[in-house]
């Protein structure tokens, strides 16, 4: 048996080293990202290549046709793009439904009520969506952190005599990810014939941040009414830095409230698990008696209301 474990460990280690050694270089990754950006603008069908932008929800044709008719598929695809993942809507839905079904079947013999099994299956099936929301928030935070520097780069490019589209291209080439890929998409869209106004509005839909909306408003207003765009961008960058400073101070002031909310939400579940391990019969009455089950439902509802109230208290808009 130890020899088999050693063989498995060496096999996994070998595959890990090979995967690390054969990983694409930075230039190859940039080329692949560029091709994927163009792929979102073009689509290939049975009749050939079309310049119309078409959304693909699955690589399987009949699933793609079905998902196009389901409400909410476009929102899921947008959320996947905002999270920076390469999943398809079909993969997300089938994976979450399969995980929920397997979790419900596995846990149903160990819980006294089918409601708890359904609840556990729902939570397991919601894990991919929670992961996407977390990655979406992390990606947006990174964009907010580097956006003032990108605007300063655009301002310097305009002061040096470059056009607005050239300044957007410089941001796409010089700034860090994930902001560079979004500006690269803007440049590719207007380079392929889409008006700059539509390309900027598409950016605000992909990245629904207040700072991005401020930047889009500055560019579009300057395009329609004229003015010194470089000076406008300098003031916009200064406002963004001030907003970031205020957000940092608010995070410090609301840290106690966030920690309190996490502790109050996790404490009942942690105590339930600990008491179940120490004395299983002590809490058995809670989920075997009908009154205990109703108390559990009431407790979950009150916890949800408490989470909502605490979140509203600490969520201060700047």
C-alpha atoms as a PDB file:
ATOM      1  CA  UNK A   1       0.000   0.000   0.000  1.00  0.00           C
ATOM      2  CA  UNK A   2       2.743   2.572   0.741  1.00  0.00           C
ATOM      3  CA  UNK A   3       4.308   1.798  -2.646  1.00  0.00           C
ATOM      4  CA  UNK A   4       1.017   2.630  -4.361  1.00  0.00           C
ATOM      5  CA  UNK A   5       0.764   5.915  -2.445  1.00  0.00           C
ATOM      6  CA  UNK A   6       4.342   6.805  -3.390  1.00  0.00           C
ATOM      7  CA  UNK A   7       3.558   6.028  -7.033  1.00  0.00           C
ATOM      8  CA  UNK A   8       0.426   8.239  -6.960  1.00  0.00           C
ATOM      9  CA  UNK A   9       2.315  11.093  -5.291  1.00  0.00           C
ATOM     10  CA  UNK A  10       5.161  10.876  -7.822  1.00  0.00           C
ATOM     11  CA  UNK A  11       2.655  10.718 -10.689  1.00  0.00           C
ATOM     12  CA  UNK A  12       0.797  13.826  -9.483  1.00  0.00           C
ATOM     13  CA  UNK A  13       4.077  15.629  -8.873  1.00  0.00           C
ATOM     14  CA  UNK A  14       5.288  14.765 -12.384  1.00  0.00           C
ATOM     15  CA  UNK A  15       2.076  16.005 -13.980  1.00  0.00           C
ATOM     16  CA  UNK A  16       2.275  19.168 -11.890  1.00  0.00           C
ATOM     17  CA  UNK A  17       5.841  19.868 -13.032  1.00  0.00           C
ATOM     18  CA  UNK A  18       4.902  19.192 -16.668  1.00  0.00           C
ATOM     19  CA  UNK A  19       1.877  21.484 -16.426  1.00  0.00           C
ATOM     20  CA  UNK A  20       4.041  24.238 -14.936  1.00  0.00           C
ATOM     21  CA  UNK A  21       6.797  23.784 -17.549  1.00  0.00           C
ATOM     22  CA  UNK A  22       4.378  23.690 -20.506  1.00  0.00           C
ATOM     23  CA  UNK A  23       2.267  26.630 -19.405  1.00  0.00           C
ATOM     24  CA  UNK A  24       1.846  29.332 -22.077  1.00  0.00           C
ATOM     25  CA  UNK A  25       4.219  32.256 -21.954  1.00  0.00           C
ATOM     26  CA  UNK A  26       3.039  35.804 -21.403  1.00  0.00           C
ATOM     27  CA  UNK A  27       3.228  36.568 -25.121  1.00  0.00           C
ATOM     28  CA  UNK A  28       1.222  33.448 -25.970  1.00  0.00           C
ATOM     29  CA  UNK A  29      -1.359  34.337 -23.338  1.00  0.00           C
ATOM     30  CA  UNK A  30      -1.671  37.858 -24.786  1.00  0.00           C
ATOM     31  CA  UNK A  31      -2.151  36.431 -28.290  1.00  0.00           C
ATOM     32  CA  UNK A  32      -4.807  34.011 -27.054  1.00  0.00           C
ATOM     33  CA  UNK A  33      -6.575  36.818 -25.215  1.00  0.00           C
ATOM     34  CA  UNK A  34      -6.486  38.936 -28.366  1.00  0.00           C
ATOM     35  CA  UNK A  35      -7.932  36.104 -30.450  1.00  0.00           C
ATOM     36  CA  UNK A  36     -10.682  35.497 -27.900  1.00  0.00           C
ATOM     37  CA  UNK A  37     -11.558  39.190 -28.024  1.00  0.00           C
ATOM     38  CA  UNK A  38     -11.896  39.027 -31.807  1.00  0.00           C
ATOM     39  CA  UNK A  39     -13.875  35.807 -31.417  1.00  0.00           C
ATOM     40  CA  UNK A  40     -16.448  37.635 -29.352  1.00  0.00           C
ATOM     41  CA  UNK A  41     -16.876  40.135 -32.180  1.00  0.00           C
ATOM     42  CA  UNK A  42     -17.068  37.576 -35.007  1.00  0.00           C
ATOM     43  CA  UNK A  43     -19.031  34.367 -35.161  1.00  0.00           C
ATOM     44  CA  UNK A  44     -18.865  31.415 -37.539  1.00  0.00           C
ATOM     45  CA  UNK A  45     -21.976  29.601 -38.675  1.00  0.00           C
ATOM     46  CA  UNK A  46     -22.814  27.032 -41.318  1.00  0.00           C
ATOM     47  CA  UNK A  47     -22.845  29.659 -44.032  1.00  0.00           C
ATOM     48  CA  UNK A  48     -19.455  31.107 -43.157  1.00  0.00           C
ATOM     49  CA  UNK A  49     -18.230  34.164 -41.289  1.00  0.00           C
ATOM     50  CA  UNK A  50     -20.522  36.991 -40.311  1.00  0.00           C
ATOM     51  CA  UNK A  51     -19.580  40.349 -38.890  1.00  0.00           C
ATOM     52  CA  UNK A  52     -22.666  40.368 -36.646  1.00  0.00           C
ATOM     53  CA  UNK A  53     -21.978  39.905 -32.957  1.00  0.00           C
ATOM     54  CA  UNK A  54     -23.764  36.782 -31.733  1.00  0.00           C
ATOM     55  CA  UNK A  55     -23.836  35.446 -28.183  1.00  0.00           C
ATOM     56  CA  UNK A  56     -22.965  31.795 -27.667  1.00  0.00           C
ATOM     57  CA  UNK A  57     -24.284  30.087 -24.562  1.00  0.00           C
ATOM     58  CA  UNK A  58     -23.031  26.557 -25.241  1.00  0.00           C
ATOM     59  CA  UNK A  59     -20.848  24.699 -27.724  1.00  0.00           C
ATOM     60  CA  UNK A  60     -23.697  22.219 -28.275  1.00  0.00           C
ATOM     61  CA  UNK A  61     -26.077  23.616 -30.868  1.00  0.00           C
ATOM     62  CA  UNK A  62     -29.410  22.475 -29.435  1.00  0.00           C
ATOM     63  CA  UNK A  63     -28.441  23.534 -25.893  1.00  0.00           C
ATOM     64  CA  UNK A  64     -27.367  26.911 -27.258  1.00  0.00           C
ATOM     65  CA  UNK A  65     -30.719  27.325 -29.024  1.00  0.00           C
ATOM     66  CA  UNK A  66     -32.571  26.329 -25.845  1.00  0.00           C
ATOM     67  CA  UNK A  67     -30.614  28.678 -23.594  1.00  0.00           C
ATOM     68  CA  UNK A  68     -31.245  31.602 -25.937  1.00  0.00           C
ATOM     69  CA  UNK A  69     -34.946  31.234 -25.182  1.00  0.00           C
ATOM     70  CA  UNK A  70     -34.538  31.031 -21.383  1.00  0.00           C
ATOM     71  CA  UNK A  71     -34.833  34.357 -19.523  1.00  0.00           C
ATOM     72  CA  UNK A  72     -31.745  35.197 -17.523  1.00  0.00           C
ATOM     73  CA  UNK A  73     -29.217  33.476 -19.802  1.00  0.00           C
ATOM     74  CA  UNK A  74     -27.878  36.816 -21.026  1.00  0.00           C
ATOM     75  CA  UNK A  75     -27.448  38.002 -17.429  1.00  0.00           C
ATOM     76  CA  UNK A  76     -25.570  34.799 -16.546  1.00  0.00           C
ATOM     77  CA  UNK A  77     -23.286  35.195 -19.543  1.00  0.00           C
ATOM     78  CA  UNK A  78     -22.602  38.813 -18.578  1.00  0.00           C
ATOM     79  CA  UNK A  79     -21.798  37.765 -15.010  1.00  0.00           C
ATOM     80  CA  UNK A  80     -19.366  35.107 -16.282  1.00  0.00           C
ATOM     81  CA  UNK A  81     -17.631  37.705 -18.457  1.00  0.00           C
ATOM     82  CA  UNK A  82     -17.498  40.185 -15.572  1.00  0.00           C
ATOM     83  CA  UNK A  83     -15.912  37.509 -13.362  1.00  0.00           C
ATOM     84  CA  UNK A  84     -13.204  36.940 -15.988  1.00  0.00           C
ATOM     85  CA  UNK A  85     -13.986  33.240 -16.411  1.00  0.00           C
ATOM     86  CA  UNK A  86     -14.063  31.188 -19.599  1.00  0.00           C
ATOM     87  CA  UNK A  87     -17.143  29.185 -18.669  1.00  0.00           C
ATOM     88  CA  UNK A  88     -20.193  28.913 -20.859  1.00  0.00           C
ATOM     89  CA  UNK A  89     -23.734  29.363 -19.608  1.00  0.00           C
ATOM     90  CA  UNK A  90     -24.500  25.740 -20.447  1.00  0.00           C
ATOM     91  CA  UNK A  91     -21.519  24.487 -18.452  1.00  0.00           C
ATOM     92  CA  UNK A  92     -22.510  26.641 -15.480  1.00  0.00           C
ATOM     93  CA  UNK A  93     -26.144  25.517 -15.440  1.00  0.00           C
ATOM     94  CA  UNK A  94     -25.452  21.828 -16.050  1.00  0.00           C
ATOM     95  CA  UNK A  95     -22.631  21.784 -13.487  1.00  0.00           C
ATOM     96  CA  UNK A  96     -24.664  23.492 -10.782  1.00  0.00           C
ATOM     97  CA  UNK A  97     -27.725  21.288 -11.384  1.00  0.00           C
ATOM     98  CA  UNK A  98     -25.603  18.130 -11.365  1.00  0.00           C
ATOM     99  CA  UNK A  99     -23.847  19.166  -8.149  1.00  0.00           C
ATOM    100  CA  UNK A 100     -27.182  19.989  -6.500  1.00  0.00           C
ATOM    101  CA  UNK A 101     -28.687  16.633  -7.553  1.00  0.00           C
ATOM    102  CA  UNK A 102     -25.696  14.614  -6.320  1.00  0.00           C
ATOM    103  CA  UNK A 103     -25.587  16.532  -3.030  1.00  0.00           C
ATOM    104  CA  UNK A 104     -29.306  16.013  -2.458  1.00  0.00           C
ATOM    105  CA  UNK A 105     -29.086  12.275  -3.143  1.00  0.00           C
ATOM    106  CA  UNK A 106     -26.032  11.830  -0.920  1.00  0.00           C
ATOM    107  CA  UNK A 107     -27.321  13.828   2.060  1.00  0.00           C
ATOM    108  CA  UNK A 108     -30.980  12.720   1.990  1.00  0.00           C
ATOM    109  CA  UNK A 109     -30.433   9.477   3.985  1.00  0.00           C
ATOM    110  CA  UNK A 110     -28.710  11.429   6.781  1.00  0.00           C
ATOM    111  CA  UNK A 111     -31.249  14.225   7.353  1.00  0.00           C
ATOM    112  CA  UNK A 112     -34.667  13.766   8.954  1.00  0.00           C
ATOM    113  CA  UNK A 113     -36.592  16.000   6.551  1.00  0.00           C
ATOM    114  CA  UNK A 114     -36.630  16.341   2.779  1.00  0.00           C
ATOM    115  CA  UNK A 115     -36.658  20.122   3.228  1.00  0.00           C
ATOM    116  CA  UNK A 116     -33.151  20.058   4.699  1.00  0.00           C
ATOM    117  CA  UNK A 117     -31.958  17.859   1.834  1.00  0.00           C
ATOM    118  CA  UNK A 118     -33.410  20.299  -0.696  1.00  0.00           C
ATOM    119  CA  UNK A 119     -31.861  23.228   1.198  1.00  0.00           C
ATOM    120  CA  UNK A 120     -28.433  21.572   1.241  1.00  0.00           C
ATOM    121  CA  UNK A 121     -28.738  20.723  -2.471  1.00  0.00           C
ATOM    122  CA  UNK A 122     -29.676  24.331  -3.209  1.00  0.00           C
ATOM    123  CA  UNK A 123     -26.648  25.627  -1.295  1.00  0.00           C
ATOM    124  CA  UNK A 124     -24.298  23.243  -3.115  1.00  0.00           C
ATOM    125  CA  UNK A 125     -25.795  24.194  -6.475  1.00  0.00           C
ATOM    126  CA  UNK A 126     -25.361  27.889  -5.637  1.00  0.00           C
ATOM    127  CA  UNK A 127     -21.621  27.505  -4.955  1.00  0.00           C
ATOM    128  CA  UNK A 128     -20.572  28.242  -8.596  1.00  0.00           C
ATOM    129  CA  UNK A 129     -22.695  31.395  -8.618  1.00  0.00           C
ATOM    130  CA  UNK A 130     -21.212  32.510  -5.304  1.00  0.00           C
ATOM    131  CA  UNK A 131     -17.736  31.897  -6.713  1.00  0.00           C
ATOM    132  CA  UNK A 132     -18.576  34.015  -9.761  1.00  0.00           C
ATOM    133  CA  UNK A 133     -19.876  36.837  -7.568  1.00  0.00           C
ATOM    134  CA  UNK A 134     -16.705  36.762  -5.452  1.00  0.00           C
ATOM    135  CA  UNK A 135     -14.422  36.747  -8.505  1.00  0.00           C
ATOM    136  CA  UNK A 136     -16.524  39.509 -10.059  1.00  0.00           C
ATOM    137  CA  UNK A 137     -16.082  41.671  -6.966  1.00  0.00           C
ATOM    138  CA  UNK A 138     -12.331  40.989  -6.829  1.00  0.00           C
ATOM    139  CA  UNK A 139     -11.965  41.832 -10.514  1.00  0.00           C
ATOM    140  CA  UNK A 140     -13.894  45.077 -10.132  1.00  0.00           C
ATOM    141  CA  UNK A 141     -11.770  46.059  -7.110  1.00  0.00           C
ATOM    142  CA  UNK A 142      -8.618  45.561  -9.165  1.00  0.00           C
ATOM    143  CA  UNK A 143     -10.058  47.713 -11.919  1.00  0.00           C
ATOM    144  CA  UNK A 144     -10.932  50.487  -9.479  1.00  0.00           C
ATOM    145  CA  UNK A 145      -7.402  50.401  -8.049  1.00  0.00           C
ATOM    146  CA  UNK A 146      -5.631  50.878 -11.389  1.00  0.00           C
ATOM    147  CA  UNK A 147      -8.231  53.035 -13.172  1.00  0.00           C
ATOM    148  CA  UNK A 148      -6.819  56.422 -11.990  1.00  0.00           C
ATOM    149  CA  UNK A 149      -3.386  55.511 -13.401  1.00  0.00           C
ATOM    150  CA  UNK A 150      -5.028  54.473 -16.677  1.00  0.00           C
ATOM    151  CA  UNK A 151      -6.838  57.812 -16.876  1.00  0.00           C
ATOM    152  CA  UNK A 152      -3.585  59.646 -16.198  1.00  0.00           C
ATOM    153  CA  UNK A 153      -2.038  57.687 -19.075  1.00  0.00           C
ATOM    154  CA  UNK A 154      -4.897  58.724 -21.361  1.00  0.00           C
ATOM    155  CA  UNK A 155      -4.481  62.341 -20.291  1.00  0.00           C
ATOM    156  CA  UNK A 156      -0.748  62.309 -21.026  1.00  0.00           C
ATOM    157  CA  UNK A 157      -1.393  60.707 -24.408  1.00  0.00           C
ATOM    158  CA  UNK A 158      -3.921  63.394 -25.309  1.00  0.00           C
ATOM    159  CA  UNK A 159      -1.550  66.137 -24.195  1.00  0.00           C
ATOM    160  CA  UNK A 160       1.118  64.595 -26.446  1.00  0.00           C
ATOM    161  CA  UNK A 161      -1.196  64.961 -29.444  1.00  0.00           C
ATOM    162  CA  UNK A 162      -2.724  61.490 -29.739  1.00  0.00           C
ATOM    163  CA  UNK A 163      -6.364  60.950 -30.651  1.00  0.00           C
ATOM    164  CA  UNK A 164      -8.852  59.491 -28.214  1.00  0.00           C
ATOM    165  CA  UNK A 165      -8.790  56.081 -29.894  1.00  0.00           C
ATOM    166  CA  UNK A 166      -4.986  56.040 -29.758  1.00  0.00           C
ATOM    167  CA  UNK A 167      -5.116  56.924 -26.074  1.00  0.00           C
ATOM    168  CA  UNK A 168      -7.513  54.007 -25.485  1.00  0.00           C
ATOM    169  CA  UNK A 169      -5.108  51.719 -27.346  1.00  0.00           C
ATOM    170  CA  UNK A 170      -2.208  52.896 -25.163  1.00  0.00           C
ATOM    171  CA  UNK A 171      -4.238  52.076 -22.048  1.00  0.00           C
ATOM    172  CA  UNK A 172      -4.970  48.621 -23.472  1.00  0.00           C
ATOM    173  CA  UNK A 173      -1.272  48.026 -24.085  1.00  0.00           C
ATOM    174  CA  UNK A 174       0.314  49.643 -21.046  1.00  0.00           C
ATOM    175  CA  UNK A 175      -2.003  49.056 -18.093  1.00  0.00           C
ATOM    176  CA  UNK A 176      -2.340  45.850 -16.104  1.00  0.00           C
ATOM    177  CA  UNK A 177      -5.084  43.278 -16.266  1.00  0.00           C
ATOM    178  CA  UNK A 178      -8.024  43.081 -15.934  1.00  0.00           C
ATOM    179  CA  UNK A 179      -8.538  46.699 -17.034  1.00  0.00           C
ATOM    180  CA  UNK A 180      -6.344  46.285 -20.115  1.00  0.00           C
ATOM    181  CA  UNK A 181      -8.568  43.589 -21.613  1.00  0.00           C
ATOM    182  CA  UNK A 182     -11.671  45.773 -21.267  1.00  0.00           C
ATOM    183  CA  UNK A 183     -10.026  48.739 -22.988  1.00  0.00           C
ATOM    184  CA  UNK A 184      -8.652  46.339 -25.591  1.00  0.00           C
ATOM    185  CA  UNK A 185     -12.227  45.271 -26.309  1.00  0.00           C
ATOM    186  CA  UNK A 186     -13.263  48.919 -26.677  1.00  0.00           C
ATOM    187  CA  UNK A 187     -10.426  49.546 -29.122  1.00  0.00           C
ATOM    188  CA  UNK A 188     -11.191  46.397 -31.124  1.00  0.00           C
ATOM    189  CA  UNK A 189     -14.891  47.232 -31.354  1.00  0.00           C
ATOM    190  CA  UNK A 190     -14.348  50.753 -32.653  1.00  0.00           C
ATOM    191  CA  UNK A 191     -11.501  49.533 -34.878  1.00  0.00           C
ATOM    192  CA  UNK A 192     -13.896  47.064 -36.508  1.00  0.00           C
ATOM    193  CA  UNK A 193     -16.429  49.773 -37.301  1.00  0.00           C
ATOM    194  CA  UNK A 194     -18.510  50.273 -34.172  1.00  0.00           C
ATOM    195  CA  UNK A 195     -18.964  53.959 -33.271  1.00  0.00           C
ATOM    196  CA  UNK A 196     -16.876  55.074 -30.325  1.00  0.00           C
ATOM    197  CA  UNK A 197     -20.040  56.037 -28.428  1.00  0.00           C
ATOM    198  CA  UNK A 198     -21.415  52.489 -28.703  1.00  0.00           C
ATOM    199  CA  UNK A 199     -18.065  50.979 -27.729  1.00  0.00           C
ATOM    200  CA  UNK A 200     -17.873  53.166 -24.610  1.00  0.00           C
ATOM    201  CA  UNK A 201     -21.466  52.337 -23.655  1.00  0.00           C
ATOM    202  CA  UNK A 202     -20.675  48.635 -24.046  1.00  0.00           C
ATOM    203  CA  UNK A 203     -17.802  49.149 -21.623  1.00  0.00           C
ATOM    204  CA  UNK A 204     -20.177  50.579 -19.020  1.00  0.00           C
ATOM    205  CA  UNK A 205     -22.423  47.532 -19.436  1.00  0.00           C
ATOM    206  CA  UNK A 206     -19.559  45.067 -19.009  1.00  0.00           C
ATOM    207  CA  UNK A 207     -18.062  46.990 -16.088  1.00  0.00           C
ATOM    208  CA  UNK A 208     -20.925  48.697 -14.181  1.00  0.00           C
ATOM    209  CA  UNK A 209     -18.708  50.757 -11.885  1.00  0.00           C
ATOM    210  CA  UNK A 210     -19.303  54.385 -10.968  1.00  0.00           C
ATOM    211  CA  UNK A 211     -15.734  55.304 -11.930  1.00  0.00           C
ATOM    212  CA  UNK A 212     -16.155  53.739 -15.380  1.00  0.00           C
ATOM    213  CA  UNK A 213     -19.420  55.640 -15.829  1.00  0.00           C
ATOM    214  CA  UNK A 214     -17.647  58.866 -14.881  1.00  0.00           C
ATOM    215  CA  UNK A 215     -14.943  58.173 -17.464  1.00  0.00           C
ATOM    216  CA  UNK A 216     -17.517  57.304 -20.134  1.00  0.00           C
ATOM    217  CA  UNK A 217     -19.501  60.461 -19.382  1.00  0.00           C
ATOM    218  CA  UNK A 218     -16.370  62.611 -19.666  1.00  0.00           C
ATOM    219  CA  UNK A 219     -15.399  61.114 -23.030  1.00  0.00           C
ATOM    220  CA  UNK A 220     -18.883  61.217 -24.529  1.00  0.00           C
ATOM    221  CA  UNK A 221     -19.630  64.765 -23.354  1.00  0.00           C
ATOM    222  CA  UNK A 222     -16.329  65.956 -24.823  1.00  0.00           C
ATOM    223  CA  UNK A 223     -17.135  64.217 -28.097  1.00  0.00           C
ATOM    224  CA  UNK A 224     -20.510  65.952 -28.351  1.00  0.00           C
ATOM    225  CA  UNK A 225     -19.764  69.401 -26.939  1.00  0.00           C
ATOM    226  CA  UNK A 226     -15.992  69.715 -27.269  1.00  0.00           C
ATOM    227  CA  UNK A 227     -13.542  70.961 -24.663  1.00  0.00           C
ATOM    228  CA  UNK A 228     -10.201  70.027 -23.178  1.00  0.00           C
ATOM    229  CA  UNK A 229     -10.539  66.278 -22.586  1.00  0.00           C
ATOM    230  CA  UNK A 230      -7.092  66.010 -21.003  1.00  0.00           C
ATOM    231  CA  UNK A 231      -8.024  68.508 -18.299  1.00  0.00           C
ATOM    232  CA  UNK A 232     -11.343  66.744 -17.730  1.00  0.00           C
ATOM    233  CA  UNK A 233      -9.554  63.417 -17.328  1.00  0.00           C
ATOM    234  CA  UNK A 234      -7.102  64.924 -14.829  1.00  0.00           C
ATOM    235  CA  UNK A 235      -9.982  66.151 -12.681  1.00  0.00           C
ATOM    236  CA  UNK A 236     -11.769  62.813 -13.060  1.00  0.00           C
ATOM    237  CA  UNK A 237      -8.688  60.934 -11.870  1.00  0.00           C
ATOM    238  CA  UNK A 238      -8.375  63.243  -8.862  1.00  0.00           C
ATOM    239  CA  UNK A 239     -12.033  62.646  -7.951  1.00  0.00           C
ATOM    240  CA  UNK A 240     -11.537  58.882  -8.245  1.00  0.00           C
ATOM    241  CA  UNK A 241      -8.530  58.953  -5.944  1.00  0.00           C
ATOM    242  CA  UNK A 242     -10.500  60.947  -3.399  1.00  0.00           C
ATOM    243  CA  UNK A 243     -13.363  58.447  -3.572  1.00  0.00           C
ATOM    244  CA  UNK A 244     -10.912  55.586  -3.051  1.00  0.00           C
ATOM    245  CA  UNK A 245      -9.495  57.347   0.007  1.00  0.00           C
ATOM    246  CA  UNK A 246     -12.975  57.823   1.469  1.00  0.00           C
ATOM    247  CA  UNK A 247     -13.858  54.184   0.775  1.00  0.00           C
ATOM    248  CA  UNK A 248     -10.717  53.087   2.603  1.00  0.00           C
ATOM    249  CA  UNK A 249     -11.645  55.173   5.632  1.00  0.00           C
ATOM    250  CA  UNK A 250     -15.187  53.792   5.602  1.00  0.00           C
ATOM    251  CA  UNK A 251     -13.877  50.221   5.471  1.00  0.00           C
ATOM    252  CA  UNK A 252     -11.834  50.962   8.576  1.00  0.00           C
ATOM    253  CA  UNK A 253     -14.778  52.523  10.405  1.00  0.00           C
ATOM    254  CA  UNK A 254     -17.180  49.693   9.483  1.00  0.00           C
ATOM    255  CA  UNK A 255     -14.723  46.854  10.158  1.00  0.00           C
ATOM    256  CA  UNK A 256     -16.241  46.162  13.577  1.00  0.00           C
ATOM    257  CA  UNK A 257     -19.728  45.896  12.086  1.00  0.00           C
ATOM    258  CA  UNK A 258     -18.562  43.477   9.396  1.00  0.00           C
ATOM    259  CA  UNK A 259     -16.737  41.272  11.898  1.00  0.00           C
ATOM    260  CA  UNK A 260     -19.784  41.315  14.179  1.00  0.00           C
ATOM    261  CA  UNK A 261     -22.018  40.241  11.309  1.00  0.00           C
ATOM    262  CA  UNK A 262     -19.708  37.365  10.360  1.00  0.00           C
ATOM    263  CA  UNK A 263     -19.498  36.122  13.951  1.00  0.00           C
ATOM    264  CA  UNK A 264     -23.249  36.359  14.531  1.00  0.00           C
ATOM    265  CA  UNK A 265     -23.952  34.487  11.287  1.00  0.00           C
ATOM    266  CA  UNK A 266     -21.392  31.726  11.814  1.00  0.00           C
ATOM    267  CA  UNK A 267     -21.812  31.195  15.568  1.00  0.00           C
ATOM    268  CA  UNK A 268     -25.149  29.270  15.487  1.00  0.00           C
ATOM    269  CA  UNK A 269     -23.894  26.825  12.849  1.00  0.00           C
ATOM    270  CA  UNK A 270     -20.541  26.340  14.583  1.00  0.00           C
ATOM    271  CA  UNK A 271     -22.206  25.710  17.944  1.00  0.00           C
ATOM    272  CA  UNK A 272     -24.678  23.297  16.338  1.00  0.00           C
ATOM    273  CA  UNK A 273     -21.823  21.265  14.824  1.00  0.00           C
ATOM    274  CA  UNK A 274     -19.785  21.301  18.042  1.00  0.00           C
ATOM    275  CA  UNK A 275     -22.722  20.258  20.251  1.00  0.00           C
ATOM    276  CA  UNK A 276     -23.680  17.554  17.765  1.00  0.00           C
ATOM    277  CA  UNK A 277     -20.166  16.118  17.977  1.00  0.00           C
ATOM    278  CA  UNK A 278     -19.987  16.333  21.773  1.00  0.00           C
ATOM    279  CA  UNK A 279     -23.506  15.030  22.479  1.00  0.00           C
ATOM    280  CA  UNK A 280     -25.523  13.961  19.468  1.00  0.00           C
ATOM    281  CA  UNK A 281     -28.708  13.314  21.429  1.00  0.00           C
ATOM    282  CA  UNK A 282     -28.664  16.799  22.964  1.00  0.00           C
ATOM    283  CA  UNK A 283     -29.830  18.495  19.748  1.00  0.00           C
ATOM    284  CA  UNK A 284     -31.638  15.558  18.197  1.00  0.00           C
ATOM    285  CA  UNK A 285     -34.987  16.814  19.473  1.00  0.00           C
ATOM    286  CA  UNK A 286     -34.491  20.086  17.598  1.00  0.00           C
ATOM    287  CA  UNK A 287     -34.782  18.500  14.153  1.00  0.00           C
ATOM    288  CA  UNK A 288     -36.965  15.482  15.006  1.00  0.00           C
ATOM    289  CA  UNK A 289     -39.825  17.266  16.763  1.00  0.00           C
ATOM    290  CA  UNK A 290     -42.173  19.340  14.527  1.00  0.00           C
ATOM    291  CA  UNK A 291     -41.919  22.311  16.881  1.00  0.00           C
ATOM    292  CA  UNK A 292     -38.128  22.182  16.692  1.00  0.00           C
ATOM    293  CA  UNK A 293     -38.238  22.168  12.888  1.00  0.00           C
ATOM    294  CA  UNK A 294     -40.491  25.229  12.917  1.00  0.00           C
ATOM    295  CA  UNK A 295     -38.063  26.931  15.290  1.00  0.00           C
ATOM    296  CA  UNK A 296     -35.220  26.198  12.878  1.00  0.00           C
ATOM    297  CA  UNK A 297     -37.188  27.794  10.038  1.00  0.00           C
ATOM    298  CA  UNK A 298     -37.941  30.839  12.183  1.00  0.00           C
ATOM    299  CA  UNK A 299     -34.296  31.126  13.221  1.00  0.00           C
ATOM    300  CA  UNK A 300     -33.105  30.991   9.597  1.00  0.00           C
ATOM    301  CA  UNK A 301     -35.581  33.681   8.580  1.00  0.00           C
ATOM    302  CA  UNK A 302     -34.518  35.924  11.472  1.00  0.00           C
ATOM    303  CA  UNK A 303     -30.849  35.375  10.616  1.00  0.00           C
ATOM    304  CA  UNK A 304     -31.534  36.380   7.014  1.00  0.00           C
ATOM    305  CA  UNK A 305     -33.261  39.545   8.216  1.00  0.00           C
ATOM    306  CA  UNK A 306     -30.355  40.283  10.565  1.00  0.00           C
ATOM    307  CA  UNK A 307     -27.828  39.850   7.751  1.00  0.00           C
ATOM    308  CA  UNK A 308     -29.865  42.202   5.570  1.00  0.00           C
ATOM    309  CA  UNK A 309     -30.084  44.861   8.302  1.00  0.00           C
ATOM    310  CA  UNK A 310     -26.368  44.665   9.208  1.00  0.00           C
ATOM    311  CA  UNK A 311     -25.413  44.882   5.530  1.00  0.00           C
ATOM    312  CA  UNK A 312     -27.568  47.962   5.051  1.00  0.00           C
ATOM    313  CA  UNK A 313     -25.995  49.603   8.081  1.00  0.00           C
ATOM    314  CA  UNK A 314     -22.388  49.084   6.990  1.00  0.00           C
ATOM    315  CA  UNK A 315     -22.988  49.592   3.230  1.00  0.00           C
ATOM    316  CA  UNK A 316     -22.333  53.331   2.921  1.00  0.00           C
ATOM    317  CA  UNK A 317     -22.364  54.689  -0.603  1.00  0.00           C
ATOM    318  CA  UNK A 318     -19.635  57.150  -1.559  1.00  0.00           C
END
